[in-house]
Structures are given as structure tokens and as C-alpha cells.
Amino acid sequence: MVIRREKKSRKMHGYRNRGWGSIGQHRKSGSRGGRGAAGMHKHKWSWVIKNYRDWFGKKGFIPRSPSSIPRINEINVGQVEEIVNRMVKMGTAVMENGKIVVDLSKMGINKLLSYGKISRPVKLVVWSASKKAIEKIEKSGGEVIIKNK
């Protein structure tokens, strides 16, 4: 058997270009098919299939559906004033101890907020209310009853 006098890795070690020509062959990103993940769905697809089968597609965290997120329906004190005035005009207002009773929880409203003014004493039944809204209702001579879930 012939003894190899030079190492195999010394082959193709020309002066500068190692056999690839002098002007840009095997240089820059053109030789690798683009920068980064370019071509993963095109000319590098066989590489993706071979090496990274789960490169594409959804995996992991699945967000809750929008229907399962509790929806907050809010109303302002000023809007309650309008509702009360409309109830009095139509004659559907229910009185209790000199206060007009409005059950916001039956109307599908979750929260009472404080924007606006109220002039009548009102008894409101609601799931939750802001501190300022409660202050405004109590200042007008009314009361807020917060339901527990």
C-alpha cells in the first residue's frame, strides 16, 4: 500500500481561492441561498423536512377563546340618570323608601362607573361599582347594593 506523503486536507489549497475561482464564488449570502431563514418554504424545503420538521406550524400555548373571557358591560352614573328619567316618564319606575329601584344586574350591566351627575335618590343593584360612583349615588341620597357572585 502506498504511503500518503501529504495530508488529504492539503488538496485544493491553491494560492488564495482553494479552487473556487477568484471573483466571489463560495462567498457572501448568495452561495447559501439567502440570509437567515430565507427559502425555508421554497428552495431549502428539503433541508427543513430533513433537519427541522417542526419549523413551521403552531405549537405550544393556546389562548382562551374570546367567548370564555368575561365581558365587562359598564354604565356611567349620568346614563343611570337618563334611564331613571325614562322610567319615570313611562310609569315603570319602582319606588322603595322614596328611592327609585334600578336593577342593573338584570339589565346585563356588570359595573357602575362615575362619569356624569345624578340628581334623584336611586337604589342601584349591580355586580360592582367604582368608589367615586358609590360616593355620587350616596351624595344624591341613594344607595348602591353590590351583589356577590
N, C-alpha and C. Protein backbone atom coordinates (compact mmCIF):
# COMPACT_ATOMS: atom_id res chain seq x y z
N MET A 1 0.84 -1.18 0.00
CA MET A 1 0.00 0.00 0.00
C MET A 1 0.88 1.23 0.00
N VAL A 2 0.48 2.20 -0.80
CA VAL A 2 1.27 3.42 -0.94
C VAL A 2 1.05 4.31 0.27
N ILE A 3 2.13 4.84 0.78
CA ILE A 3 2.06 5.74 1.92
C ILE A 3 1.74 7.14 1.40
N ARG A 4 0.76 7.75 2.00
CA ARG A 4 0.38 9.10 1.60
C ARG A 4 1.39 10.07 2.18
N ARG A 5 2.09 10.77 1.32
CA ARG A 5 3.16 11.66 1.76
C ARG A 5 2.60 12.98 2.31
N GLU A 6 1.50 13.44 1.73
CA GLU A 6 0.91 14.70 2.20
C GLU A 6 -0.48 14.41 2.77
N LYS A 7 -0.90 15.26 3.69
CA LYS A 7 -2.21 15.09 4.29
C LYS A 7 -3.30 15.34 3.26
N LYS A 8 -4.42 14.64 3.38
CA LYS A 8 -5.54 14.78 2.45
C LYS A 8 -6.09 16.20 2.46
N SER A 9 -6.07 16.84 3.62
CA SER A 9 -6.65 18.18 3.75
C SER A 9 -5.84 19.23 3.00
N ARG A 10 -4.67 18.85 2.47
CA ARG A 10 -3.86 19.83 1.74
C ARG A 10 -4.32 19.95 0.29
N LYS A 11 -5.21 19.05 -0.13
CA LYS A 11 -5.71 19.13 -1.50
C LYS A 11 -6.53 20.40 -1.67
N MET A 12 -6.61 20.90 -2.86
CA MET A 12 -7.40 22.07 -3.22
C MET A 12 -7.02 23.32 -2.42
N HIS A 13 -5.81 23.36 -1.89
CA HIS A 13 -5.36 24.56 -1.19
C HIS A 13 -4.48 25.34 -2.15
N GLY A 14 -5.15 26.06 -3.06
CA GLY A 14 -4.39 26.86 -4.00
C GLY A 14 -3.84 28.09 -3.33
N TYR A 15 -3.44 29.05 -4.14
CA TYR A 15 -2.81 30.25 -3.56
C TYR A 15 -3.79 30.99 -2.65
N ARG A 16 -5.00 31.31 -3.15
CA ARG A 16 -5.93 32.03 -2.31
C ARG A 16 -7.34 31.46 -2.31
N ASN A 17 -7.76 30.87 -3.40
CA ASN A 17 -9.18 30.63 -3.57
C ASN A 17 -9.59 29.17 -3.42
N ARG A 18 -8.67 28.32 -3.17
CA ARG A 18 -8.93 26.90 -2.93
C ARG A 18 -9.74 26.26 -4.05
N GLY A 19 -9.49 26.68 -5.26
CA GLY A 19 -10.12 26.05 -6.40
C GLY A 19 -11.49 26.58 -6.76
N TRP A 20 -11.93 27.67 -6.14
CA TRP A 20 -13.27 28.17 -6.42
C TRP A 20 -13.25 29.44 -7.27
N GLY A 21 -12.19 29.75 -7.90
CA GLY A 21 -12.14 30.93 -8.76
C GLY A 21 -11.84 32.18 -7.95
N SER A 22 -11.62 33.27 -8.65
CA SER A 22 -11.11 34.46 -7.97
C SER A 22 -12.18 35.48 -7.64
N ILE A 23 -13.35 35.42 -8.29
CA ILE A 23 -14.30 36.51 -8.07
C ILE A 23 -15.55 35.98 -7.37
N GLY A 24 -15.54 35.92 -6.08
CA GLY A 24 -16.72 35.76 -5.24
C GLY A 24 -17.39 34.41 -5.17
N GLN A 25 -16.85 33.34 -5.79
CA GLN A 25 -17.52 32.06 -5.64
C GLN A 25 -17.35 31.56 -4.20
N HIS A 26 -18.38 30.95 -3.68
CA HIS A 26 -18.38 30.45 -2.30
C HIS A 26 -18.15 31.58 -1.30
N ARG A 27 -18.61 32.76 -1.63
CA ARG A 27 -18.56 33.89 -0.69
C ARG A 27 -19.96 34.48 -0.58
N LYS A 28 -20.19 35.29 0.39
CA LYS A 28 -21.43 36.05 0.59
C LYS A 28 -22.66 35.16 0.74
N SER A 29 -23.82 35.81 0.87
CA SER A 29 -25.03 35.04 1.18
C SER A 29 -25.66 34.38 -0.03
N GLY A 30 -25.22 34.74 -1.22
CA GLY A 30 -25.78 34.11 -2.41
C GLY A 30 -25.47 32.63 -2.49
N SER A 31 -24.35 32.24 -1.95
CA SER A 31 -23.97 30.83 -2.02
C SER A 31 -24.75 29.98 -1.01
N ARG A 32 -25.32 30.61 -0.01
CA ARG A 32 -26.08 29.84 0.97
C ARG A 32 -27.59 29.98 0.77
N GLY A 33 -27.99 30.62 -0.31
CA GLY A 33 -29.41 30.69 -0.65
C GLY A 33 -30.16 31.77 0.07
N GLY A 34 -29.50 32.82 0.51
CA GLY A 34 -30.16 33.93 1.19
C GLY A 34 -29.76 34.02 2.64
N ARG A 35 -30.11 35.11 3.26
CA ARG A 35 -29.75 35.33 4.66
C ARG A 35 -30.75 34.68 5.59
N GLY A 36 -30.29 34.18 6.70
CA GLY A 36 -31.17 33.68 7.75
C GLY A 36 -32.06 32.56 7.28
N ALA A 37 -33.38 32.72 7.51
CA ALA A 37 -34.34 31.66 7.20
C ALA A 37 -34.94 31.83 5.81
N ALA A 38 -34.25 32.57 4.93
CA ALA A 38 -34.77 32.76 3.58
C ALA A 38 -34.86 31.42 2.87
N GLY A 39 -35.96 31.21 2.16
CA GLY A 39 -36.12 30.00 1.36
C GLY A 39 -36.56 28.77 2.11
N MET A 40 -36.96 28.92 3.36
CA MET A 40 -37.36 27.73 4.13
C MET A 40 -38.64 27.10 3.57
N HIS A 41 -39.48 27.91 2.91
CA HIS A 41 -40.68 27.36 2.29
C HIS A 41 -40.49 27.21 0.79
N LYS A 42 -39.29 27.42 0.29
CA LYS A 42 -39.02 27.38 -1.15
C LYS A 42 -37.87 26.42 -1.42
N HIS A 43 -36.69 26.96 -1.74
CA HIS A 43 -35.59 26.13 -2.20
C HIS A 43 -34.86 25.38 -1.09
N LYS A 44 -35.11 25.73 0.19
CA LYS A 44 -34.50 24.98 1.28
C LYS A 44 -35.49 24.04 1.95
N TRP A 45 -36.62 23.75 1.27
CA TRP A 45 -37.67 22.94 1.87
C TRP A 45 -37.19 21.55 2.23
N SER A 46 -36.40 20.93 1.37
CA SER A 46 -35.92 19.57 1.66
C SER A 46 -35.02 19.58 2.89
N TRP A 47 -34.26 20.65 3.08
CA TRP A 47 -33.43 20.77 4.29
C TRP A 47 -34.31 20.87 5.53
N VAL A 48 -35.42 21.64 5.43
CA VAL A 48 -36.34 21.78 6.56
C VAL A 48 -36.95 20.43 6.91
N ILE A 49 -37.40 19.69 5.90
CA ILE A 49 -38.01 18.38 6.13
C ILE A 49 -37.02 17.44 6.79
N LYS A 50 -35.78 17.50 6.37
CA LYS A 50 -34.76 16.59 6.89
C LYS A 50 -34.34 16.96 8.32
N ASN A 51 -34.12 18.25 8.56
CA ASN A 51 -33.50 18.66 9.83
C ASN A 51 -34.45 19.25 10.86
N TYR A 52 -35.44 20.02 10.43
CA TYR A 52 -36.34 20.71 11.36
C TYR A 52 -37.79 20.51 10.93
N ARG A 53 -38.34 19.37 11.20
CA ARG A 53 -39.70 19.05 10.76
C ARG A 53 -40.74 19.99 11.39
N ASP A 54 -40.50 20.46 12.60
CA ASP A 54 -41.50 21.33 13.26
C ASP A 54 -41.13 22.81 13.17
N TRP A 55 -40.40 23.20 12.12
CA TRP A 55 -40.02 24.61 11.93
C TRP A 55 -41.27 25.47 11.73
N PHE A 56 -42.22 24.94 10.95
CA PHE A 56 -43.45 25.69 10.66
C PHE A 56 -44.61 25.12 11.45
N GLY A 57 -45.64 25.93 11.63
CA GLY A 57 -46.86 25.48 12.29
C GLY A 57 -46.97 26.00 13.70
N LYS A 58 -48.17 25.89 14.23
CA LYS A 58 -48.43 26.37 15.58
C LYS A 58 -48.09 25.27 16.58
N LYS A 59 -47.62 25.68 17.73
CA LYS A 59 -47.33 24.73 18.80
C LYS A 59 -47.30 25.48 20.12
N GLY A 60 -47.57 24.76 21.19
CA GLY A 60 -47.44 25.38 22.50
C GLY A 60 -48.71 26.02 22.99
N PHE A 61 -48.60 27.24 23.50
CA PHE A 61 -49.67 27.94 24.21
C PHE A 61 -50.88 28.15 23.31
N ILE A 62 -52.05 27.79 23.82
CA ILE A 62 -53.30 28.01 23.10
C ILE A 62 -54.10 29.03 23.90
N PRO A 63 -54.34 30.22 23.33
CA PRO A 63 -55.07 31.23 24.09
C PRO A 63 -56.54 30.85 24.29
N ARG A 64 -57.13 31.44 25.34
CA ARG A 64 -58.55 31.18 25.60
C ARG A 64 -59.37 31.77 24.46
N SER A 65 -60.50 31.16 24.23
CA SER A 65 -61.38 31.69 23.19
C SER A 65 -62.02 32.98 23.70
N PRO A 66 -62.32 33.91 22.79
CA PRO A 66 -62.91 35.18 23.22
C PRO A 66 -64.22 35.01 23.99
N SER A 67 -64.94 33.93 23.73
CA SER A 67 -66.22 33.74 24.41
C SER A 67 -66.04 33.36 25.88
N SER A 68 -64.87 32.81 26.25
CA SER A 68 -64.65 32.41 27.64
C SER A 68 -64.12 33.55 28.51
N ILE A 69 -63.69 34.64 27.89
CA ILE A 69 -63.19 35.79 28.64
C ILE A 69 -64.40 36.58 29.14
N PRO A 70 -64.46 36.84 30.46
CA PRO A 70 -65.63 37.56 30.97
C PRO A 70 -65.71 38.97 30.39
N ARG A 71 -66.87 39.33 29.89
CA ARG A 71 -67.06 40.63 29.26
C ARG A 71 -67.61 41.60 30.30
N ILE A 72 -67.02 42.79 30.37
CA ILE A 72 -67.47 43.80 31.32
C ILE A 72 -68.34 44.81 30.57
N ASN A 73 -69.61 44.87 30.96
CA ASN A 73 -70.53 45.87 30.43
C ASN A 73 -70.69 46.93 31.51
N GLU A 74 -70.21 48.13 31.22
CA GLU A 74 -70.25 49.18 32.23
C GLU A 74 -71.27 50.24 31.85
N ILE A 75 -71.65 51.01 32.87
CA ILE A 75 -72.57 52.13 32.68
C ILE A 75 -72.12 53.26 33.60
N ASN A 76 -72.32 54.48 33.16
CA ASN A 76 -71.94 55.63 33.96
C ASN A 76 -73.14 56.15 34.75
N VAL A 77 -72.84 56.92 35.79
CA VAL A 77 -73.88 57.49 36.65
C VAL A 77 -74.81 58.39 35.83
N GLY A 78 -74.25 59.14 34.88
CA GLY A 78 -75.06 60.01 34.03
C GLY A 78 -76.05 59.22 33.18
N GLN A 79 -75.64 58.04 32.72
CA GLN A 79 -76.55 57.20 31.94
C GLN A 79 -77.65 56.61 32.82
N VAL A 80 -77.33 56.34 34.08
CA VAL A 80 -78.35 55.86 35.03
C VAL A 80 -79.41 56.94 35.22
N GLU A 81 -78.98 58.19 35.30
CA GLU A 81 -79.91 59.32 35.41
C GLU A 81 -80.89 59.33 34.24
N GLU A 82 -80.38 59.10 33.03
CA GLU A 82 -81.25 59.07 31.84
C GLU A 82 -82.24 57.91 31.92
N ILE A 83 -81.77 56.74 32.35
CA ILE A 83 -82.64 55.57 32.48
C ILE A 83 -83.75 55.83 33.49
N VAL A 84 -83.39 56.44 34.62
CA VAL A 84 -84.36 56.73 35.68
C VAL A 84 -85.41 57.72 35.16
N ASN A 85 -84.98 58.77 34.47
CA ASN A 85 -85.92 59.75 33.91
C ASN A 85 -86.88 59.09 32.93
N ARG A 86 -86.36 58.19 32.09
CA ARG A 86 -87.20 57.49 31.12
C ARG A 86 -88.20 56.57 31.83
N MET A 87 -87.75 55.90 32.92
CA MET A 87 -88.65 55.03 33.69
C MET A 87 -89.78 55.82 34.34
N VAL A 88 -89.46 57.01 34.85
CA VAL A 88 -90.47 57.85 35.49
C VAL A 88 -91.49 58.32 34.45
N LYS A 89 -91.01 58.73 33.25
CA LYS A 89 -91.92 59.19 32.19
C LYS A 89 -92.86 58.07 31.74
N MET A 90 -92.32 56.86 31.60
CA MET A 90 -93.12 55.73 31.12
C MET A 90 -94.01 55.14 32.21
N GLY A 91 -93.72 55.49 33.46
CA GLY A 91 -94.50 54.98 34.58
C GLY A 91 -94.09 53.58 35.02
N THR A 92 -92.89 53.14 34.67
CA THR A 92 -92.41 51.80 35.05
C THR A 92 -91.46 51.85 36.24
N ALA A 93 -91.27 53.02 36.83
CA ALA A 93 -90.34 53.16 37.95
C ALA A 93 -90.92 52.49 39.20
N VAL A 94 -90.09 51.70 39.87
CA VAL A 94 -90.50 51.03 41.12
C VAL A 94 -89.89 51.81 42.27
N MET A 95 -90.74 52.23 43.21
CA MET A 95 -90.26 53.02 44.35
C MET A 95 -90.12 52.13 45.58
N GLU A 96 -89.09 52.44 46.38
CA GLU A 96 -88.87 51.71 47.63
C GLU A 96 -88.24 52.70 48.61
N ASN A 97 -88.96 53.05 49.68
CA ASN A 97 -88.49 54.03 50.67
C ASN A 97 -88.13 55.37 50.03
N GLY A 98 -88.90 55.81 49.07
CA GLY A 98 -88.66 57.10 48.43
C GLY A 98 -87.52 57.08 47.41
N LYS A 99 -87.03 55.92 47.09
CA LYS A 99 -85.93 55.80 46.12
C LYS A 99 -86.41 54.95 44.93
N ILE A 100 -85.97 55.34 43.75
CA ILE A 100 -86.31 54.57 42.55
C ILE A 100 -85.33 53.39 42.46
N VAL A 101 -85.87 52.18 42.32
CA VAL A 101 -85.04 50.97 42.29
C VAL A 101 -84.72 50.61 40.84
N VAL A 102 -83.41 50.46 40.56
CA VAL A 102 -82.96 50.04 39.23
C VAL A 102 -82.01 48.87 39.43
N ASP A 103 -82.38 47.71 38.88
CA ASP A 103 -81.54 46.51 38.98
C ASP A 103 -80.69 46.41 37.72
N LEU A 104 -79.46 46.91 37.80
CA LEU A 104 -78.56 46.91 36.64
C LEU A 104 -78.07 45.51 36.29
N SER A 105 -78.02 44.62 37.29
CA SER A 105 -77.55 43.26 37.03
C SER A 105 -78.52 42.50 36.13
N LYS A 106 -79.83 42.79 36.23
CA LYS A 106 -80.82 42.16 35.36
C LYS A 106 -80.76 42.74 33.94
N MET A 107 -80.22 43.96 33.83
CA MET A 107 -80.08 44.60 32.53
C MET A 107 -78.82 44.13 31.80
N GLY A 108 -78.02 43.29 32.46
CA GLY A 108 -76.79 42.78 31.85
C GLY A 108 -75.60 43.69 32.04
N ILE A 109 -75.68 44.58 33.01
CA ILE A 109 -74.59 45.52 33.28
C ILE A 109 -73.81 45.04 34.49
N ASN A 110 -72.49 44.96 34.34
CA ASN A 110 -71.63 44.41 35.39
C ASN A 110 -71.07 45.47 36.33
N LYS A 111 -70.80 46.67 35.79
CA LYS A 111 -70.07 47.65 36.59
C LYS A 111 -70.65 49.04 36.44
N LEU A 112 -70.64 49.78 37.55
CA LEU A 112 -71.10 51.16 37.57
C LEU A 112 -69.88 52.07 37.68
N LEU A 113 -69.78 53.02 36.74
CA LEU A 113 -68.67 53.97 36.74
C LEU A 113 -69.18 55.36 37.07
N SER A 114 -68.26 56.31 37.34
CA SER A 114 -68.66 57.56 37.99
C SER A 114 -68.87 58.76 37.06
N TYR A 115 -68.74 58.63 35.76
CA TYR A 115 -68.86 59.81 34.88
C TYR A 115 -70.30 60.32 34.84
N GLY A 116 -70.48 61.59 35.02
CA GLY A 116 -71.81 62.21 34.95
C GLY A 116 -72.34 62.59 36.32
N LYS A 117 -73.58 63.14 36.31
CA LYS A 117 -74.23 63.59 37.55
C LYS A 117 -75.56 62.90 37.70
N ILE A 118 -76.00 62.80 38.96
CA ILE A 118 -77.33 62.24 39.24
C ILE A 118 -77.99 63.13 40.28
N SER A 119 -79.28 63.41 40.08
CA SER A 119 -79.97 64.34 40.97
C SER A 119 -81.04 63.66 41.81
N ARG A 120 -81.51 62.49 41.42
CA ARG A 120 -82.57 61.79 42.14
C ARG A 120 -81.98 60.74 43.09
N PRO A 121 -82.68 60.46 44.20
CA PRO A 121 -82.25 59.35 45.05
C PRO A 121 -82.61 58.02 44.38
N VAL A 122 -81.60 57.19 44.18
CA VAL A 122 -81.77 55.95 43.44
C VAL A 122 -81.17 54.79 44.23
N LYS A 123 -81.84 53.64 44.18
CA LYS A 123 -81.29 52.42 44.77
C LYS A 123 -80.86 51.54 43.60
N LEU A 124 -79.54 51.30 43.47
CA LEU A 124 -79.00 50.53 42.35
C LEU A 124 -78.51 49.17 42.84
N VAL A 125 -78.83 48.13 42.09
CA VAL A 125 -78.33 46.79 42.36
C VAL A 125 -77.39 46.44 41.21
N VAL A 126 -76.12 46.18 41.53
CA VAL A 126 -75.11 45.96 40.48
C VAL A 126 -74.03 45.02 41.01
N TRP A 127 -73.32 44.37 40.08
CA TRP A 127 -72.26 43.42 40.49
C TRP A 127 -71.05 44.13 41.10
N SER A 128 -70.63 45.26 40.51
CA SER A 128 -69.50 46.02 41.07
C SER A 128 -69.64 47.49 40.70
N ALA A 129 -68.98 48.34 41.48
CA ALA A 129 -69.06 49.79 41.25
C ALA A 129 -67.77 50.44 41.71
N SER A 130 -67.43 51.55 41.07
CA SER A 130 -66.23 52.29 41.49
C SER A 130 -66.56 53.10 42.73
N LYS A 131 -65.51 53.47 43.48
CA LYS A 131 -65.70 54.22 44.73
C LYS A 131 -66.36 55.57 44.48
N LYS A 132 -65.92 56.26 43.42
CA LYS A 132 -66.49 57.57 43.10
C LYS A 132 -67.96 57.47 42.73
N ALA A 133 -68.32 56.40 42.01
CA ALA A 133 -69.72 56.22 41.62
C ALA A 133 -70.59 56.02 42.86
N ILE A 134 -70.11 55.22 43.81
CA ILE A 134 -70.85 54.99 45.06
C ILE A 134 -71.00 56.30 45.83
N GLU A 135 -69.93 57.11 45.87
CA GLU A 135 -69.98 58.40 46.55
C GLU A 135 -71.04 59.32 45.92
N LYS A 136 -71.09 59.38 44.59
CA LYS A 136 -72.05 60.24 43.91
C LYS A 136 -73.49 59.80 44.18
N ILE A 137 -73.72 58.50 44.14
CA ILE A 137 -75.08 57.99 44.38
C ILE A 137 -75.50 58.30 45.82
N GLU A 138 -74.60 58.09 46.78
CA GLU A 138 -74.92 58.34 48.19
C GLU A 138 -75.09 59.83 48.46
N LYS A 139 -74.35 60.66 47.73
CA LYS A 139 -74.45 62.11 47.88
C LYS A 139 -75.84 62.61 47.44
N SER A 140 -76.42 61.94 46.44
CA SER A 140 -77.75 62.34 45.97
C SER A 140 -78.86 61.74 46.82
N GLY A 141 -78.50 60.95 47.86
CA GLY A 141 -79.50 60.37 48.75
C GLY A 141 -79.86 58.94 48.41
N GLY A 142 -79.12 58.34 47.51
CA GLY A 142 -79.41 56.98 47.09
C GLY A 142 -78.49 55.96 47.77
N GLU A 143 -78.55 54.74 47.28
CA GLU A 143 -77.66 53.69 47.81
C GLU A 143 -77.32 52.71 46.69
N VAL A 144 -76.17 52.04 46.86
CA VAL A 144 -75.71 51.05 45.89
C VAL A 144 -75.59 49.72 46.60
N ILE A 145 -76.28 48.72 46.07
CA ILE A 145 -76.19 47.35 46.62
C ILE A 145 -75.35 46.54 45.66
N ILE A 146 -74.23 46.03 46.16
CA ILE A 146 -73.32 45.23 45.33
C ILE A 146 -73.61 43.76 45.55
N LYS A 147 -73.95 43.07 44.48
CA LYS A 147 -74.25 41.64 44.55
C LYS A 147 -72.96 40.85 44.65
N ASN A 148 -73.02 39.72 45.32
CA ASN A 148 -71.88 38.81 45.35
C ASN A 148 -72.15 37.70 44.35
N LYS A 149 -71.11 37.28 43.67
CA LYS A 149 -71.28 36.24 42.65
C LYS A 149 -71.45 34.88 43.26
